[in-house]
PDB file of N, CA and C in Angstrom:
ATOM      1  N   MET A   1      27.490  -4.969  16.029  1.00  0.00           N
ATOM      2  CA  MET A   1      26.443  -4.722  15.057  1.00  0.00           C
ATOM      3  C   MET A   1      26.524  -5.724  13.913  1.00  0.00           C
ATOM      4  N   GLN A   2      27.744  -6.063  13.499  1.00  0.00           N
ATOM      5  CA  GLN A   2      27.917  -7.027  12.405  1.00  0.00           C
ATOM      6  C   GLN A   2      27.308  -8.379  12.774  1.00  0.00           C
ATOM      7  N   GLU A   3      27.454  -8.787  14.038  1.00  0.00           N
ATOM      8  CA  GLU A   3      26.876 -10.048  14.487  1.00  0.00           C
ATOM      9  C   GLU A   3      25.359 -10.012  14.384  1.00  0.00           C
ATOM     10  N   LEU A   4      24.771  -8.876  14.705  1.00  0.00           N
ATOM     11  CA  LEU A   4      23.322  -8.722  14.603  1.00  0.00           C
ATOM     12  C   LEU A   4      22.875  -8.892  13.165  1.00  0.00           C
ATOM     13  N   MET A   5      23.577  -8.262  12.244  1.00  0.00           N
ATOM     14  CA  MET A   5      23.211  -8.361  10.833  1.00  0.00           C
ATOM     15  C   MET A   5      23.381  -9.789  10.328  1.00  0.00           C
ATOM     16  N   GLN A   6      24.431 -10.466  10.747  1.00  0.00           N
ATOM     17  CA  GLN A   6      24.633 -11.839  10.305  1.00  0.00           C
ATOM     18  C   GLN A   6      23.535 -12.740  10.843  1.00  0.00           C
ATOM     19  N   GLY A   7      23.123 -12.501  12.062  1.00  0.00           N
ATOM     20  CA  GLY A   7      22.038 -13.289  12.644  1.00  0.00           C
ATOM     21  C   GLY A   7      20.728 -13.091  11.915  1.00  0.00           C
ATOM     22  N   TYR A   8      20.465 -11.883  11.492  1.00  0.00           N
ATOM     23  CA  TYR A   8      19.235 -11.601  10.770  1.00  0.00           C
ATOM     24  C   TYR A   8      19.273 -12.102   9.328  1.00  0.00           C
ATOM     25  N   SER A   9      20.456 -12.216   8.763  1.00  0.00           N
ATOM     26  CA  SER A   9      20.537 -12.549   7.345  1.00  0.00           C
ATOM     27  C   SER A   9      20.630 -14.042   7.068  1.00  0.00           C
ATOM     28  N   VAL A  10      20.470 -14.871   8.087  1.00  0.00           N
ATOM     29  CA  VAL A  10      20.517 -16.314   7.884  1.00  0.00           C
ATOM     30  C   VAL A  10      19.099 -16.853   7.838  1.00  0.00           C
ATOM     31  N   ALA A  11      18.742 -17.411   6.689  1.00  0.00           N
ATOM     32  CA  ALA A  11      17.411 -17.986   6.526  1.00  0.00           C
ATOM     33  C   ALA A  11      17.493 -19.505   6.627  1.00  0.00           C
ATOM     34  N   ARG A  12      16.401 -20.104   7.039  1.00  0.00           N
ATOM     35  CA  ARG A  12      16.353 -21.557   7.090  1.00  0.00           C
ATOM     36  C   ARG A  12      16.263 -22.121   5.668  1.00  0.00           C
ATOM     37  N   PRO A  13      16.863 -23.275   5.435  1.00  0.00           N
ATOM     38  CA  PRO A  13      16.794 -23.884   4.098  1.00  0.00           C
ATOM     39  C   PRO A  13      15.353 -24.203   3.722  1.00  0.00           C
ATOM     40  N   HIS A  14      15.056 -24.118   2.468  1.00  0.00           N
ATOM     41  CA  HIS A  14      13.729 -24.394   1.940  1.00  0.00           C
ATOM     42  C   HIS A  14      13.907 -25.065   0.593  1.00  0.00           C
ATOM     43  N   HIS A  15      12.988 -25.914   0.233  1.00  0.00           N
ATOM     44  CA  HIS A  15      13.126 -26.634  -1.028  1.00  0.00           C
ATOM     45  C   HIS A  15      13.077 -25.708  -2.242  1.00  0.00           C
ATOM     46  N   ASP A  16      12.477 -24.566  -2.095  1.00  0.00           N
ATOM     47  CA  ASP A  16      12.389 -23.601  -3.190  1.00  0.00           C
ATOM     48  C   ASP A  16      13.431 -22.503  -2.952  1.00  0.00           C
ATOM     49  N   GLN A  17      14.446 -22.430  -3.805  1.00  0.00           N
ATOM     50  CA  GLN A  17      15.522 -21.448  -3.625  1.00  0.00           C
ATOM     51  C   GLN A  17      15.011 -20.010  -3.712  1.00  0.00           C
ATOM     52  N   GLY A  18      13.988 -19.755  -4.528  1.00  0.00           N
ATOM     53  CA  GLY A  18      13.415 -18.413  -4.615  1.00  0.00           C
ATOM     54  C   GLY A  18      12.832 -17.978  -3.285  1.00  0.00           C
ATOM     55  N   HIS A  19      12.180 -18.894  -2.609  1.00  0.00           N
ATOM     56  CA  HIS A  19      11.605 -18.637  -1.288  1.00  0.00           C
ATOM     57  C   HIS A  19      12.702 -18.305  -0.295  1.00  0.00           C
ATOM     58  N   THR A  20      13.754 -19.130  -0.301  1.00  0.00           N
ATOM     59  CA  THR A  20      14.881 -18.914   0.611  1.00  0.00           C
ATOM     60  C   THR A  20      15.550 -17.576   0.339  1.00  0.00           C
ATOM     61  N   ARG A  21      15.725 -17.248  -0.928  1.00  0.00           N
ATOM     62  CA  ARG A  21      16.363 -15.974  -1.290  1.00  0.00           C
ATOM     63  C   ARG A  21      15.529 -14.790  -0.800  1.00  0.00           C
ATOM     64  N   LEU A  22      14.221 -14.872  -0.951  1.00  0.00           N
ATOM     65  CA  LEU A  22      13.359 -13.795  -0.466  1.00  0.00           C
ATOM     66  C   LEU A  22      13.470 -13.650   1.049  1.00  0.00           C
ATOM     67  N   LEU A  23      13.514 -14.769   1.766  1.00  0.00           N
ATOM     68  CA  LEU A  23      13.670 -14.705   3.222  1.00  0.00           C
ATOM     69  C   LEU A  23      14.995 -14.049   3.598  1.00  0.00           C
ATOM     70  N   GLU A  24      16.050 -14.371   2.861  1.00  0.00           N
ATOM     71  CA  GLU A  24      17.356 -13.757   3.123  1.00  0.00           C
ATOM     72  C   GLU A  24      17.321 -12.260   2.869  1.00  0.00           C
ATOM     73  N   GLU A  25      16.693 -11.855   1.770  1.00  0.00           N
ATOM     74  CA  GLU A  25      16.613 -10.425   1.459  1.00  0.00           C
ATOM     75  C   GLU A  25      15.793  -9.683   2.500  1.00  0.00           C
ATOM     76  N   ILE A  26      14.686 -10.273   2.924  1.00  0.00           N
ATOM     77  CA  ILE A  26      13.846  -9.654   3.952  1.00  0.00           C
ATOM     78  C   ILE A  26      14.630  -9.504   5.247  1.00  0.00           C
ATOM     79  N   ALA A  27      15.344 -10.554   5.637  1.00  0.00           N
ATOM     80  CA  ALA A  27      16.142 -10.497   6.864  1.00  0.00           C
ATOM     81  C   ALA A  27      17.215  -9.428   6.767  1.00  0.00           C
ATOM     82  N   TYR A  28      17.871  -9.324   5.616  1.00  0.00           N
ATOM     83  CA  TYR A  28      18.912  -8.315   5.436  1.00  0.00           C
ATOM     84  C   TYR A  28      18.318  -6.905   5.538  1.00  0.00           C
ATOM     85  N   LEU A  29      17.210  -6.669   4.851  1.00  0.00           N
ATOM     86  CA  LEU A  29      16.594  -5.335   4.882  1.00  0.00           C
ATOM     87  C   LEU A  29      16.127  -4.969   6.280  1.00  0.00           C
ATOM     88  N   GLU A  30      15.558  -5.943   7.000  1.00  0.00           N
ATOM     89  CA  GLU A  30      15.140  -5.679   8.378  1.00  0.00           C
ATOM     90  C   GLU A  30      16.343  -5.331   9.253  1.00  0.00           C
ATOM     91  N   ALA A  31      17.444  -6.062   9.059  1.00  0.00           N
ATOM     92  CA  ALA A  31      18.654  -5.791   9.842  1.00  0.00           C
ATOM     93  C   ALA A  31      19.208  -4.407   9.536  1.00  0.00           C
ATOM     94  N   ARG A  32      19.191  -4.015   8.286  1.00  0.00           N
ATOM     95  CA  ARG A  32      19.670  -2.682   7.908  1.00  0.00           C
ATOM     96  C   ARG A  32      18.803  -1.605   8.547  1.00  0.00           C
ATOM     97  N   LEU A  33      17.490  -1.815   8.553  1.00  0.00           N
ATOM     98  CA  LEU A  33      16.603  -0.834   9.179  1.00  0.00           C
ATOM     99  C   LEU A  33      16.870  -0.729  10.678  1.00  0.00           C
ATOM    100  N   VAL A  34      17.144  -1.855  11.316  1.00  0.00           N
ATOM    101  CA  VAL A  34      17.481  -1.837  12.741  1.00  0.00           C
ATOM    102  C   VAL A  34      18.781  -1.078  12.944  1.00  0.00           C
ATOM    103  N   ALA A  35      19.746  -1.314  12.067  1.00  0.00           N
ATOM    104  CA  ALA A  35      21.062  -0.689  12.207  1.00  0.00           C
ATOM    105  C   ALA A  35      21.005   0.834  12.065  1.00  0.00           C
ATOM    106  N   ILE A  36      20.209   1.329  11.121  1.00  0.00           N
ATOM    107  CA  ILE A  36      20.149   2.785  10.922  1.00  0.00           C
ATOM    108  C   ILE A  36      18.966   3.423  11.625  1.00  0.00           C
ATOM    109  N   GLY A  37      18.085   2.615  12.170  1.00  0.00           N
ATOM    110  CA  GLY A  37      16.879   3.142  12.790  1.00  0.00           C
ATOM    111  C   GLY A  37      15.806   3.314  11.725  1.00  0.00           C
ATOM    112  N   GLN A  38      14.579   3.308  12.127  1.00  0.00           N
ATOM    113  CA  GLN A  38      13.471   3.385  11.171  1.00  0.00           C
ATOM    114  C   GLN A  38      13.463   4.694  10.394  1.00  0.00           C
ATOM    115  N   THR A  39      13.982   5.758  11.005  1.00  0.00           N
ATOM    116  CA  THR A  39      13.950   7.062  10.334  1.00  0.00           C
ATOM    117  C   THR A  39      15.328   7.615  10.023  1.00  0.00           C
ATOM    118  N   GLY A  40      16.362   7.093  10.653  1.00  0.00           N
ATOM    119  CA  GLY A  40      17.712   7.597  10.408  1.00  0.00           C
ATOM    120  C   GLY A  40      17.957   8.932  11.088  1.00  0.00           C
ATOM    121  N   ASP A  41      19.230   9.332  11.136  1.00  0.00           N
ATOM    122  CA  ASP A  41      19.621  10.568  11.814  1.00  0.00           C
ATOM    123  C   ASP A  41      19.879  11.726  10.850  1.00  0.00           C
ATOM    124  N   CYS A  42      20.192  11.415   9.606  1.00  0.00           N
ATOM    125  CA  CYS A  42      20.494  12.468   8.639  1.00  0.00           C
ATOM    126  C   CYS A  42      19.713  12.190   7.350  1.00  0.00           C
ATOM    127  N   ALA A  43      19.787  13.091   6.410  1.00  0.00           N
ATOM    128  CA  ALA A  43      19.023  12.958   5.165  1.00  0.00           C
ATOM    129  C   ALA A  43      19.394  11.678   4.423  1.00  0.00           C
ATOM    130  N   TYR A  44      20.669  11.338   4.408  1.00  0.00           N
ATOM    131  CA  TYR A  44      21.124  10.128   3.724  1.00  0.00           C
ATOM    132  C   TYR A  44      20.491   8.887   4.352  1.00  0.00           C
ATOM    133  N   GLU A  45      20.530   8.793   5.677  1.00  0.00           N
ATOM    134  CA  GLU A  45      19.955   7.649   6.368  1.00  0.00           C
ATOM    135  C   GLU A  45      18.438   7.616   6.218  1.00  0.00           C
ATOM    136  N   LYS A  46      17.810   8.771   6.232  1.00  0.00           N
ATOM    137  CA  LYS A  46      16.357   8.812   6.036  1.00  0.00           C
ATOM    138  C   LYS A  46      15.986   8.303   4.652  1.00  0.00           C
ATOM    139  N   SER A  47      16.767   8.677   3.657  1.00  0.00           N
ATOM    140  CA  SER A  47      16.539   8.201   2.299  1.00  0.00           C
ATOM    141  C   SER A  47      16.752   6.691   2.212  1.00  0.00           C
ATOM    142  N   LEU A  48      17.813   6.200   2.843  1.00  0.00           N
ATOM    143  CA  LEU A  48      18.059   4.757   2.866  1.00  0.00           C
ATOM    144  C   LEU A  48      16.918   4.020   3.565  1.00  0.00           C
ATOM    145  N   ALA A  49      16.467   4.550   4.688  1.00  0.00           N
ATOM    146  CA  ALA A  49      15.373   3.910   5.427  1.00  0.00           C
ATOM    147  C   ALA A  49      14.115   3.829   4.566  1.00  0.00           C
ATOM    148  N   ARG A  50      13.806   4.889   3.827  1.00  0.00           N
ATOM    149  CA  ARG A  50      12.633   4.857   2.935  1.00  0.00           C
ATOM    150  C   ARG A  50      12.816   3.809   1.849  1.00  0.00           C
ATOM    151  N   SER A  51      14.003   3.777   1.254  1.00  0.00           N
ATOM    152  CA  SER A  51      14.283   2.797   0.198  1.00  0.00           C
ATOM    153  C   SER A  51      14.197   1.372   0.733  1.00  0.00           C
ATOM    154  N   TYR A  52      14.809   1.127   1.886  1.00  0.00           N
ATOM    155  CA  TYR A  52      14.764  -0.203   2.482  1.00  0.00           C
ATOM    156  C   TYR A  52      13.331  -0.596   2.827  1.00  0.00           C
ATOM    157  N   SER A  53      12.558   0.345   3.331  1.00  0.00           N
ATOM    158  CA  SER A  53      11.159   0.050   3.672  1.00  0.00           C
ATOM    159  C   SER A  53      10.354  -0.321   2.433  1.00  0.00           C
ATOM    160  N   GLU A  54      10.579   0.403   1.343  1.00  0.00           N
ATOM    161  CA  GLU A  54       9.877   0.084   0.096  1.00  0.00           C
ATOM    162  C   GLU A  54      10.296  -1.283  -0.434  1.00  0.00           C
ATOM    163  N   LEU A  55      11.599  -1.567  -0.403  1.00  0.00           N
ATOM    164  CA  LEU A  55      12.088  -2.872  -0.849  1.00  0.00           C
ATOM    165  C   LEU A  55      11.548  -3.991   0.038  1.00  0.00           C
ATOM    166  N   LEU A  56      11.504  -3.746   1.326  1.00  0.00           N
ATOM    167  CA  LEU A  56      10.989  -4.729   2.268  1.00  0.00           C
ATOM    168  C   LEU A  56       9.519  -5.033   1.978  1.00  0.00           C
ATOM    169  N   ARG A  57       8.749  -4.000   1.733  1.00  0.00           N
ATOM    170  CA  ARG A  57       7.326  -4.170   1.402  1.00  0.00           C
ATOM    171  C   ARG A  57       7.176  -4.998   0.121  1.00  0.00           C
ATOM    172  N   ALA A  58       7.989  -4.698  -0.884  1.00  0.00           N
ATOM    173  CA  ALA A  58       7.926  -5.426  -2.156  1.00  0.00           C
ATOM    174  C   ALA A  58       8.314  -6.895  -1.966  1.00  0.00           C
ATOM    175  N   ARG A  59       9.372  -7.160  -1.196  1.00  0.00           N
ATOM    176  CA  ARG A  59       9.801  -8.542  -0.978  1.00  0.00           C
ATOM    177  C   ARG A  59       8.749  -9.326  -0.206  1.00  0.00           C
ATOM    178  N   ARG A  60       8.097  -8.685   0.761  1.00  0.00           N
ATOM    179  CA  ARG A  60       7.042  -9.377   1.513  1.00  0.00           C
ATOM    180  C   ARG A  60       5.847  -9.703   0.621  1.00  0.00           C
ATOM    181  N   MET A  61       5.541  -8.819  -0.317  1.00  0.00           N
ATOM    182  CA  MET A  61       4.460  -9.081  -1.270  1.00  0.00           C
ATOM    183  C   MET A  61       4.837 -10.253  -2.173  1.00  0.00           C
ATOM    184  N   GLN A  62       6.105 -10.307  -2.604  1.00  0.00           N
ATOM    185  CA  GLN A  62       6.559 -11.416  -3.438  1.00  0.00           C
ATOM    186  C   GLN A  62       6.492 -12.727  -2.662  1.00  0.00           C
ATOM    187  N   LEU A  63       6.878 -12.695  -1.400  1.00  0.00           N
ATOM    188  CA  LEU A  63       6.833 -13.892  -0.564  1.00  0.00           C
ATOM    189  C   LEU A  63       5.388 -14.361  -0.382  1.00  0.00           C
ATOM    190  N   ALA A  64       4.485 -13.437  -0.161  1.00  0.00           N
ATOM    191  CA  ALA A  64       3.070 -13.783  -0.013  1.00  0.00           C
ATOM    192  C   ALA A  64       2.526 -14.415  -1.298  1.00  0.00           C
ATOM    193  N   ALA A  65       2.962 -13.922  -2.434  1.00  0.00           N
ATOM    194  CA  ALA A  65       2.519 -14.464  -3.720  1.00  0.00           C
ATOM    195  C   ALA A  65       3.023 -15.896  -3.897  1.00  0.00           C
ATOM    196  N   ILE A  66       4.235 -16.183  -3.435  1.00  0.00           N
ATOM    197  CA  ILE A  66       4.786 -17.539  -3.520  1.00  0.00           C
ATOM    198  C   ILE A  66       4.008 -18.490  -2.631  1.00  0.00           C
ATOM    199  N   ARG A  67       3.652 -18.031  -1.475  1.00  0.00           N
ATOM    200  CA  ARG A  67       2.952 -18.890  -0.490  1.00  0.00           C
ATOM    201  C   ARG A  67       1.531 -19.228  -0.942  1.00  0.00           C
ATOM    202  N   ASN A  68       0.936 -18.391  -1.756  1.00  0.00           N
ATOM    203  CA  ASN A  68      -0.452 -18.642  -2.189  1.00  0.00           C
ATOM    204  C   ASN A  68      -0.526 -19.523  -3.365  1.00  0.00           C
TER     205      ASN A  68
END
């Protein structure tokens, strides 16, 4: 599982460090969601999945704003 997370958390270099950082955060959040499942098995995991999903949505919006 650790290898999966490391693979997801590696972003390609970009001239804008903010862009690269957002890609890294998005990859990390996606990997965490894969690791615990989209809904989780217990209340704690379900709460984490909701939090990660909200953070992921926010980071994608920030990335879209940079690209425009």
